[in-house]
N, C-alpha and C. Protein backbone atom coordinates (compact mmCIF):
# COMPACT_ATOMS: atom_id res chain seq x y z
N UNK A 1 114.94 64.22 108.48
CA UNK A 1 113.79 63.91 109.30
C UNK A 1 113.35 65.14 110.06
N UNK A 2 112.05 65.33 110.15
CA UNK A 2 111.53 66.49 110.84
C UNK A 2 111.53 66.26 112.34
N UNK A 3 111.64 67.37 113.08
CA UNK A 3 111.57 67.29 114.52
C UNK A 3 110.12 67.13 114.94
N UNK A 4 109.89 66.71 116.18
CA UNK A 4 108.54 66.47 116.69
C UNK A 4 107.63 67.67 116.47
N UNK A 5 108.12 68.88 116.73
CA UNK A 5 107.31 70.08 116.60
C UNK A 5 106.91 70.38 115.17
N UNK A 6 107.59 69.80 114.19
CA UNK A 6 107.30 70.08 112.79
C UNK A 6 106.41 69.02 112.15
N UNK A 7 106.03 68.01 112.91
CA UNK A 7 105.25 66.93 112.31
C UNK A 7 103.84 67.38 112.03
N UNK A 8 103.32 66.91 110.93
CA UNK A 8 101.94 67.22 110.58
C UNK A 8 101.01 66.22 111.25
N UNK A 9 99.74 66.51 111.25
CA UNK A 9 98.76 65.59 111.80
C UNK A 9 98.80 64.24 111.11
N UNK A 10 99.08 64.25 109.79
CA UNK A 10 99.14 63.00 109.04
C UNK A 10 100.29 62.13 109.52
N UNK A 11 101.42 62.75 109.94
CA UNK A 11 102.56 61.99 110.42
C UNK A 11 102.28 61.34 111.76
N UNK A 12 101.64 62.08 112.66
CA UNK A 12 101.38 61.57 114.00
C UNK A 12 100.20 60.62 114.01
N UNK A 13 99.27 60.79 113.07
CA UNK A 13 98.07 59.98 113.02
C UNK A 13 97.97 59.34 111.65
N UNK A 14 98.82 58.33 111.38
CA UNK A 14 98.91 57.79 110.02
C UNK A 14 97.61 57.19 109.50
N UNK A 15 96.69 56.81 110.39
CA UNK A 15 95.44 56.21 109.92
C UNK A 15 94.33 57.25 109.79
N UNK A 16 94.68 58.53 109.97
CA UNK A 16 93.67 59.58 109.86
C UNK A 16 93.13 59.67 108.43
N UNK A 17 93.96 59.36 107.44
CA UNK A 17 93.54 59.36 106.03
C UNK A 17 94.11 58.10 105.39
N UNK A 18 93.37 57.58 104.47
CA UNK A 18 93.85 56.42 103.73
C UNK A 18 94.29 56.91 102.36
N UNK A 19 95.59 57.28 102.26
CA UNK A 19 96.11 57.80 101.00
C UNK A 19 97.58 57.44 100.86
N UNK A 20 98.01 57.39 99.62
CA UNK A 20 99.42 57.12 99.36
C UNK A 20 100.23 58.39 99.61
N UNK A 21 101.53 58.24 99.62
CA UNK A 21 102.42 59.40 99.78
C UNK A 21 102.20 60.39 98.65
N UNK A 22 102.04 59.91 97.44
CA UNK A 22 101.80 60.78 96.29
C UNK A 22 100.47 61.52 96.44
N UNK A 23 99.45 60.83 96.88
CA UNK A 23 98.15 61.47 97.09
C UNK A 23 98.24 62.54 98.19
N UNK A 24 98.98 62.22 99.25
CA UNK A 24 99.16 63.19 100.34
C UNK A 24 99.88 64.43 99.84
N UNK A 25 100.96 64.26 99.07
CA UNK A 25 101.69 65.40 98.52
C UNK A 25 100.80 66.22 97.59
N UNK A 26 100.04 65.55 96.74
CA UNK A 26 99.14 66.27 95.84
C UNK A 26 98.10 67.06 96.63
N UNK A 27 97.54 66.45 97.68
CA UNK A 27 96.55 67.15 98.50
C UNK A 27 97.18 68.34 99.21
N UNK A 28 98.39 68.16 99.75
CA UNK A 28 99.07 69.27 100.41
C UNK A 28 99.40 70.39 99.43
N UNK A 29 99.80 70.03 98.23
CA UNK A 29 100.11 71.03 97.20
C UNK A 29 98.85 71.82 96.84
N UNK A 30 97.75 71.12 96.59
CA UNK A 30 96.49 71.79 96.23
C UNK A 30 96.03 72.73 97.35
N UNK A 31 96.15 72.29 98.58
CA UNK A 31 95.77 73.12 99.71
C UNK A 31 96.64 74.37 99.78
N UNK A 32 97.93 74.20 99.61
CA UNK A 32 98.86 75.32 99.67
C UNK A 32 98.58 76.32 98.54
N UNK A 33 98.35 75.82 97.35
CA UNK A 33 98.08 76.70 96.21
C UNK A 33 96.80 77.50 96.45
N UNK A 34 95.78 76.89 97.01
CA UNK A 34 94.55 77.62 97.32
C UNK A 34 94.83 78.74 98.32
N UNK A 35 95.63 78.45 99.34
CA UNK A 35 95.98 79.46 100.34
C UNK A 35 96.77 80.60 99.69
N UNK A 36 97.70 80.28 98.80
CA UNK A 36 98.50 81.30 98.14
C UNK A 36 97.63 82.19 97.25
N UNK A 37 96.61 81.62 96.64
CA UNK A 37 95.71 82.43 95.81
C UNK A 37 95.04 83.52 96.63
N UNK A 38 94.69 83.19 97.85
CA UNK A 38 94.03 84.17 98.72
C UNK A 38 94.97 85.32 99.03
N UNK A 39 96.19 85.03 99.45
CA UNK A 39 97.10 86.11 99.85
C UNK A 39 97.68 86.85 98.66
N UNK A 40 97.82 86.19 97.52
CA UNK A 40 98.37 86.88 96.35
C UNK A 40 97.47 88.02 95.89
N UNK A 41 96.18 87.85 95.98
CA UNK A 41 95.28 88.92 95.58
C UNK A 41 95.49 90.15 96.47
N UNK A 42 95.58 89.93 97.77
CA UNK A 42 95.80 91.03 98.69
C UNK A 42 97.13 91.74 98.49
N UNK A 43 98.17 90.97 98.27
CA UNK A 43 99.50 91.58 98.10
C UNK A 43 99.57 92.32 96.78
N UNK A 44 98.90 91.84 95.75
CA UNK A 44 98.88 92.56 94.47
C UNK A 44 98.19 93.92 94.63
N UNK A 45 97.10 93.94 95.36
CA UNK A 45 96.40 95.20 95.59
C UNK A 45 97.28 96.16 96.40
N UNK A 46 97.92 95.65 97.44
CA UNK A 46 98.79 96.48 98.28
C UNK A 46 99.94 97.07 97.46
N UNK A 47 100.59 96.25 96.67
CA UNK A 47 101.71 96.74 95.87
C UNK A 47 101.25 97.80 94.87
N UNK A 48 100.12 97.56 94.23
CA UNK A 48 99.66 98.56 93.25
C UNK A 48 99.36 99.88 93.93
N UNK A 49 98.76 99.83 95.12
CA UNK A 49 98.49 101.08 95.84
C UNK A 49 99.80 101.76 96.26
N UNK A 50 100.76 100.97 96.71
CA UNK A 50 102.04 101.56 97.15
C UNK A 50 102.84 102.14 95.98
N UNK A 51 102.78 101.48 94.84
CA UNK A 51 103.60 101.93 93.71
C UNK A 51 103.14 103.26 93.12
N UNK A 52 101.89 103.62 93.30
CA UNK A 52 101.43 104.90 92.75
C UNK A 52 101.69 106.07 93.70
N UNK A 53 101.98 105.79 94.96
CA UNK A 53 102.17 106.87 95.93
C UNK A 53 103.25 107.89 95.56
N UNK A 54 104.42 107.49 95.12
CA UNK A 54 105.45 108.50 94.82
C UNK A 54 105.05 109.47 93.71
N UNK A 55 104.08 109.08 92.92
CA UNK A 55 103.66 109.93 91.81
C UNK A 55 102.52 110.87 92.18
N UNK A 56 102.13 110.85 93.45
CA UNK A 56 101.10 111.76 93.94
C UNK A 56 101.75 113.05 94.44
N UNK A 57 101.08 114.15 94.30
CA UNK A 57 101.68 115.44 94.66
C UNK A 57 102.02 115.53 96.15
N UNK A 58 101.23 114.94 97.01
CA UNK A 58 101.49 115.02 98.44
C UNK A 58 102.69 114.24 98.91
N UNK A 59 103.16 113.29 98.09
CA UNK A 59 104.29 112.45 98.50
C UNK A 59 105.55 113.29 98.73
N UNK A 60 105.69 114.36 97.98
CA UNK A 60 106.87 115.23 98.11
C UNK A 60 106.98 115.85 99.50
N UNK A 61 105.87 115.93 100.22
CA UNK A 61 105.86 116.55 101.54
C UNK A 61 106.12 115.57 102.68
N UNK A 62 106.32 114.30 102.35
CA UNK A 62 106.60 113.32 103.41
C UNK A 62 107.96 113.59 104.03
N UNK A 63 108.04 113.38 105.33
CA UNK A 63 109.32 113.56 106.03
C UNK A 63 110.28 112.44 105.65
N UNK A 64 111.54 112.64 105.96
CA UNK A 64 112.56 111.63 105.67
C UNK A 64 112.24 110.27 106.29
N UNK A 65 111.89 110.23 107.59
CA UNK A 65 111.56 108.94 108.19
C UNK A 65 110.35 108.24 107.54
N UNK A 66 109.36 109.02 107.11
CA UNK A 66 108.20 108.41 106.45
C UNK A 66 108.57 107.88 105.06
N UNK A 67 109.50 108.55 104.41
CA UNK A 67 109.98 108.03 103.12
C UNK A 67 110.72 106.71 103.31
N UNK A 68 111.51 106.64 104.36
CA UNK A 68 112.21 105.38 104.66
C UNK A 68 111.19 104.29 104.97
N UNK A 69 110.19 104.61 105.77
CA UNK A 69 109.14 103.65 106.08
C UNK A 69 108.43 103.20 104.80
N UNK A 70 108.18 104.15 103.91
CA UNK A 70 107.55 103.81 102.63
C UNK A 70 108.42 102.81 101.86
N UNK A 71 109.72 103.08 101.78
CA UNK A 71 110.61 102.18 101.04
C UNK A 71 110.69 100.80 101.68
N UNK A 72 110.71 100.75 103.00
CA UNK A 72 110.70 99.46 103.70
C UNK A 72 109.40 98.72 103.41
N UNK A 73 108.29 99.45 103.44
CA UNK A 73 106.98 98.85 103.18
C UNK A 73 106.89 98.31 101.76
N UNK A 74 107.32 99.08 100.79
CA UNK A 74 107.32 98.61 99.40
C UNK A 74 108.23 97.39 99.26
N UNK A 75 109.40 97.45 99.86
CA UNK A 75 110.36 96.34 99.75
C UNK A 75 109.80 95.06 100.36
N UNK A 76 109.17 95.17 101.53
CA UNK A 76 108.61 93.95 102.14
C UNK A 76 107.41 93.43 101.35
N UNK A 77 106.64 94.33 100.75
CA UNK A 77 105.52 93.89 99.91
C UNK A 77 106.03 93.15 98.67
N UNK A 78 107.07 93.69 98.05
CA UNK A 78 107.67 93.01 96.89
C UNK A 78 108.31 91.69 97.32
N UNK A 79 108.99 91.70 98.46
CA UNK A 79 109.57 90.46 98.99
C UNK A 79 108.50 89.41 99.25
N UNK A 80 107.37 89.83 99.79
CA UNK A 80 106.26 88.90 100.02
C UNK A 80 105.80 88.30 98.70
N UNK A 81 105.72 89.13 97.67
CA UNK A 81 105.30 88.64 96.36
C UNK A 81 106.29 87.61 95.82
N UNK A 82 107.57 87.89 95.97
CA UNK A 82 108.60 86.94 95.50
C UNK A 82 108.40 85.58 96.17
N UNK A 83 108.24 85.58 97.49
CA UNK A 83 108.11 84.31 98.21
C UNK A 83 106.76 83.63 97.96
N UNK A 84 105.71 84.40 97.76
CA UNK A 84 104.39 83.81 97.54
C UNK A 84 104.22 83.27 96.12
N UNK A 85 104.99 83.77 95.18
CA UNK A 85 104.91 83.30 93.80
C UNK A 85 105.96 82.22 93.51
N UNK A 86 107.04 82.19 94.26
CA UNK A 86 108.13 81.23 94.02
C UNK A 86 107.65 79.78 93.91
N UNK A 87 106.74 79.31 94.77
CA UNK A 87 106.31 77.91 94.63
C UNK A 87 105.73 77.56 93.26
N UNK A 88 105.06 78.50 92.64
CA UNK A 88 104.50 78.25 91.32
C UNK A 88 105.62 78.04 90.30
N UNK A 89 106.63 78.89 90.38
CA UNK A 89 107.78 78.77 89.48
C UNK A 89 108.50 77.43 89.70
N UNK A 90 108.72 77.09 90.95
CA UNK A 90 109.41 75.83 91.26
C UNK A 90 108.62 74.63 90.75
N UNK A 91 107.31 74.68 90.95
CA UNK A 91 106.47 73.58 90.48
C UNK A 91 106.60 73.42 88.97
N UNK A 92 106.59 74.55 88.25
CA UNK A 92 106.71 74.48 86.79
C UNK A 92 108.07 73.91 86.38
N UNK A 93 109.12 74.36 87.03
CA UNK A 93 110.47 73.90 86.67
C UNK A 93 110.67 72.43 87.02
N UNK A 94 110.12 72.00 88.14
CA UNK A 94 110.32 70.62 88.61
C UNK A 94 109.18 69.68 88.23
N UNK A 95 108.23 70.17 87.45
CA UNK A 95 107.08 69.38 87.03
C UNK A 95 107.54 68.09 86.37
N UNK A 96 106.96 66.98 86.77
CA UNK A 96 107.25 65.65 86.23
C UNK A 96 108.69 65.19 86.47
N UNK A 97 109.28 65.66 87.52
CA UNK A 97 110.64 65.26 87.88
C UNK A 97 110.66 64.48 89.20
N UNK A 98 109.49 64.05 89.68
CA UNK A 98 109.36 63.30 90.93
C UNK A 98 109.99 64.06 92.10
N UNK A 99 109.77 65.36 92.16
CA UNK A 99 110.32 66.20 93.23
C UNK A 99 109.21 66.87 94.04
N UNK A 100 108.00 66.34 93.99
CA UNK A 100 106.87 66.99 94.65
C UNK A 100 107.11 67.15 96.15
N UNK A 101 107.77 66.20 96.78
CA UNK A 101 108.08 66.33 98.21
C UNK A 101 108.92 67.56 98.49
N UNK A 102 109.94 67.79 97.65
CA UNK A 102 110.78 68.98 97.80
C UNK A 102 109.98 70.25 97.54
N UNK A 103 109.15 70.22 96.51
CA UNK A 103 108.37 71.41 96.15
C UNK A 103 107.40 71.77 97.28
N UNK A 104 106.71 70.78 97.82
CA UNK A 104 105.73 71.05 98.88
C UNK A 104 106.44 71.58 100.13
N UNK A 105 107.55 70.97 100.51
CA UNK A 105 108.27 71.41 101.71
C UNK A 105 108.81 72.84 101.53
N UNK A 106 109.41 73.11 100.38
CA UNK A 106 109.96 74.44 100.13
C UNK A 106 108.85 75.47 99.98
N UNK A 107 107.75 75.08 99.35
CA UNK A 107 106.62 76.00 99.17
C UNK A 107 106.01 76.37 100.52
N UNK A 108 105.98 75.43 101.44
CA UNK A 108 105.49 75.72 102.78
C UNK A 108 106.35 76.80 103.44
N UNK A 109 107.66 76.64 103.35
CA UNK A 109 108.57 77.65 103.93
C UNK A 109 108.39 79.01 103.26
N UNK A 110 108.29 79.00 101.94
CA UNK A 110 108.08 80.25 101.20
C UNK A 110 106.78 80.92 101.61
N UNK A 111 105.74 80.14 101.76
CA UNK A 111 104.45 80.71 102.16
C UNK A 111 104.55 81.36 103.53
N UNK A 112 105.24 80.71 104.46
CA UNK A 112 105.39 81.28 105.80
C UNK A 112 106.19 82.58 105.76
N UNK A 113 107.27 82.59 104.99
CA UNK A 113 108.08 83.82 104.86
C UNK A 113 107.26 84.91 104.17
N UNK A 114 106.54 84.54 103.11
CA UNK A 114 105.73 85.51 102.38
C UNK A 114 104.63 86.11 103.24
N UNK A 115 103.99 85.30 104.06
CA UNK A 115 102.94 85.82 104.94
C UNK A 115 103.55 86.74 105.99
N UNK A 116 104.72 86.38 106.52
CA UNK A 116 105.39 87.26 107.50
C UNK A 116 105.73 88.61 106.86
N UNK A 117 106.27 88.59 105.65
CA UNK A 117 106.59 89.84 104.96
C UNK A 117 105.32 90.63 104.64
N UNK A 118 104.24 89.93 104.31
CA UNK A 118 102.97 90.60 104.07
C UNK A 118 102.50 91.32 105.34
N UNK A 119 102.62 90.67 106.48
CA UNK A 119 102.25 91.30 107.74
C UNK A 119 103.06 92.55 108.02
N UNK A 120 104.35 92.49 107.74
CA UNK A 120 105.22 93.66 107.92
C UNK A 120 104.81 94.78 106.96
N UNK A 121 104.56 94.42 105.71
CA UNK A 121 104.16 95.42 104.71
C UNK A 121 102.82 96.07 105.08
N UNK A 122 101.87 95.27 105.51
CA UNK A 122 100.57 95.83 105.91
C UNK A 122 100.71 96.74 107.12
N UNK A 123 101.54 96.34 108.05
CA UNK A 123 101.78 97.18 109.23
C UNK A 123 102.42 98.50 108.82
N UNK A 124 103.42 98.44 107.95
CA UNK A 124 104.06 99.67 107.46
C UNK A 124 103.08 100.57 106.74
N UNK A 125 102.20 99.98 105.94
CA UNK A 125 101.21 100.78 105.21
C UNK A 125 100.24 101.47 106.17
N UNK A 126 99.84 100.77 107.21
CA UNK A 126 98.92 101.36 108.19
C UNK A 126 99.62 102.49 108.95
N UNK A 127 100.87 102.29 109.32
CA UNK A 127 101.63 103.35 110.00
C UNK A 127 101.69 104.58 109.11
N UNK A 128 102.00 104.39 107.82
CA UNK A 128 102.06 105.51 106.88
C UNK A 128 100.72 106.25 106.82
N UNK A 129 99.65 105.51 106.67
CA UNK A 129 98.33 106.13 106.56
C UNK A 129 97.99 106.92 107.82
N UNK A 130 98.20 106.31 108.98
CA UNK A 130 97.87 107.02 110.23
C UNK A 130 98.75 108.24 110.43
N UNK A 131 100.02 108.15 110.08
CA UNK A 131 100.91 109.30 110.23
C UNK A 131 100.48 110.46 109.34
N UNK A 132 100.05 110.15 108.13
CA UNK A 132 99.66 111.20 107.18
C UNK A 132 98.27 111.75 107.50
N UNK A 133 97.34 110.89 107.83
CA UNK A 133 95.95 111.31 108.02
C UNK A 133 95.73 111.95 109.39
N UNK A 134 96.22 111.33 110.44
CA UNK A 134 95.93 111.81 111.80
C UNK A 134 96.85 112.95 112.20
N UNK A 135 98.08 112.90 111.81
CA UNK A 135 99.08 113.93 112.12
C UNK A 135 99.25 114.17 113.62
N UNK A 136 98.89 113.19 114.44
CA UNK A 136 99.10 113.29 115.88
C UNK A 136 100.35 112.50 116.24
N UNK A 137 101.03 112.96 117.27
CA UNK A 137 102.25 112.28 117.70
C UNK A 137 101.97 110.82 118.02
N UNK A 138 102.72 109.95 117.45
CA UNK A 138 102.68 108.51 117.71
C UNK A 138 101.41 107.81 117.23
N UNK A 139 100.53 108.46 116.50
CA UNK A 139 99.31 107.81 116.02
C UNK A 139 99.66 106.62 115.13
N UNK A 140 100.61 106.80 114.24
CA UNK A 140 101.03 105.72 113.36
C UNK A 140 101.69 104.59 114.11
N UNK A 141 102.52 104.93 115.08
CA UNK A 141 103.20 103.91 115.87
C UNK A 141 102.19 103.08 116.66
N UNK A 142 101.22 103.76 117.26
CA UNK A 142 100.19 103.05 118.03
C UNK A 142 99.36 102.15 117.11
N UNK A 143 98.93 102.68 115.97
CA UNK A 143 98.15 101.88 115.02
C UNK A 143 98.97 100.69 114.53
N UNK A 144 100.24 100.92 114.23
CA UNK A 144 101.11 99.83 113.77
C UNK A 144 101.30 98.76 114.83
N UNK A 145 101.47 99.19 116.08
CA UNK A 145 101.65 98.24 117.18
C UNK A 145 100.39 97.40 117.39
N UNK A 146 99.23 98.05 117.32
CA UNK A 146 97.96 97.33 117.48
C UNK A 146 97.80 96.31 116.35
N UNK A 147 98.08 96.74 115.13
CA UNK A 147 97.95 95.84 113.98
C UNK A 147 98.96 94.69 114.07
N UNK A 148 100.19 94.98 114.44
CA UNK A 148 101.19 93.92 114.59
C UNK A 148 100.76 92.91 115.65
N UNK A 149 100.21 93.39 116.75
CA UNK A 149 99.70 92.50 117.79
C UNK A 149 98.55 91.64 117.25
N UNK A 150 97.67 92.25 116.47
CA UNK A 150 96.57 91.50 115.86
C UNK A 150 97.11 90.39 114.96
N UNK A 151 98.11 90.70 114.14
CA UNK A 151 98.72 89.68 113.29
C UNK A 151 99.32 88.55 114.11
N UNK A 152 100.04 88.89 115.16
CA UNK A 152 100.68 87.88 116.00
C UNK A 152 99.62 86.95 116.61
N UNK A 153 98.54 87.54 117.11
CA UNK A 153 97.50 86.72 117.73
C UNK A 153 96.77 85.88 116.68
N UNK A 154 96.32 86.51 115.58
CA UNK A 154 95.50 85.82 114.59
C UNK A 154 96.31 84.86 113.71
N UNK A 155 97.53 85.25 113.36
CA UNK A 155 98.31 84.45 112.42
C UNK A 155 99.28 83.48 113.08
N UNK A 156 99.64 83.71 114.34
CA UNK A 156 100.63 82.85 114.99
C UNK A 156 100.12 82.18 116.26
N UNK A 157 99.75 82.97 117.25
CA UNK A 157 99.40 82.40 118.55
C UNK A 157 98.20 81.47 118.49
N UNK A 158 97.14 81.88 117.80
CA UNK A 158 95.94 81.06 117.73
C UNK A 158 96.21 79.72 117.05
N UNK A 159 96.81 79.70 115.86
CA UNK A 159 97.05 78.38 115.25
C UNK A 159 98.08 77.55 116.03
N UNK A 160 99.07 78.19 116.65
CA UNK A 160 100.02 77.43 117.46
C UNK A 160 99.33 76.82 118.67
N UNK A 161 98.38 77.54 119.25
CA UNK A 161 97.62 76.99 120.38
C UNK A 161 96.83 75.77 119.91
N UNK A 162 96.15 75.89 118.77
CA UNK A 162 95.40 74.75 118.25
C UNK A 162 96.33 73.59 117.92
N UNK A 163 97.50 73.91 117.40
CA UNK A 163 98.46 72.86 117.06
C UNK A 163 98.93 72.13 118.31
N UNK A 164 99.20 72.88 119.36
CA UNK A 164 99.62 72.26 120.62
C UNK A 164 98.51 71.39 121.19
N UNK A 165 97.26 71.80 121.03
CA UNK A 165 96.13 71.03 121.53
C UNK A 165 95.82 69.82 120.67
N UNK A 166 96.41 69.73 119.48
CA UNK A 166 96.09 68.63 118.56
C UNK A 166 96.86 67.36 118.89
N UNK A 167 97.66 67.37 119.93
CA UNK A 167 98.43 66.18 120.31
C UNK A 167 97.52 64.99 120.61
N UNK A 168 96.27 65.25 120.99
CA UNK A 168 95.37 64.17 121.35
C UNK A 168 94.82 63.41 120.14
N UNK A 169 94.89 64.01 118.98
CA UNK A 169 94.41 63.33 117.77
C UNK A 169 93.34 64.15 117.08
N UNK A 170 93.13 63.91 115.78
CA UNK A 170 92.20 64.70 114.99
C UNK A 170 90.75 64.63 115.50
N UNK A 171 90.27 63.44 115.83
CA UNK A 171 88.87 63.30 116.24
C UNK A 171 88.63 64.02 117.57
N UNK A 172 89.53 63.83 118.50
CA UNK A 172 89.37 64.48 119.80
C UNK A 172 89.48 65.98 119.69
N UNK A 173 90.34 66.47 118.81
CA UNK A 173 90.49 67.92 118.62
C UNK A 173 89.20 68.52 118.10
N UNK A 174 88.59 67.88 117.10
CA UNK A 174 87.36 68.43 116.55
C UNK A 174 86.24 68.44 117.59
N UNK A 175 86.21 67.47 118.49
CA UNK A 175 85.21 67.45 119.54
C UNK A 175 85.46 68.58 120.54
N UNK A 176 86.73 68.83 120.87
CA UNK A 176 87.08 69.92 121.80
C UNK A 176 86.75 71.28 121.20
N UNK A 177 87.06 71.47 119.92
CA UNK A 177 86.86 72.75 119.26
C UNK A 177 85.39 73.00 118.96
N UNK A 178 84.61 71.92 118.77
CA UNK A 178 83.20 72.07 118.39
C UNK A 178 82.38 72.29 119.59
């Protein structure tokens, strides 16, 4: 059983939609897959850009710490890809096995981990770019900190604030937000 903080709007407001458990799972799966399509395109582009860097002539001039940052950035980008693609694999393996509840729950966790790793990878990439292009002390660190703060606000704090405000119910929330 999920804790109160993990309940979805459908759990707290059972009459918000008139659908069966199977319909709800299918709707949640479709929604999740659409979201994953959006982030998968971005992570594919990021990985392709990162993978060609070592083969560029200027890469040899990177300092040791920037090489470590590069490896961490590539690793988190690949890790994000693993977690963002895993739900598709699980769905294929468990297809027609009446395990959609497990797939949706696990896919949600994978998506959250994948998005977190994507944020780390994007932050690392920005730090690398600023360190190489600006060549000023702490330019990369400052840019990375600003970007990390932006991710925290846009990807975590804002939706958590909306989630906390949704205790009143779906209709009242839409009136407050509108």
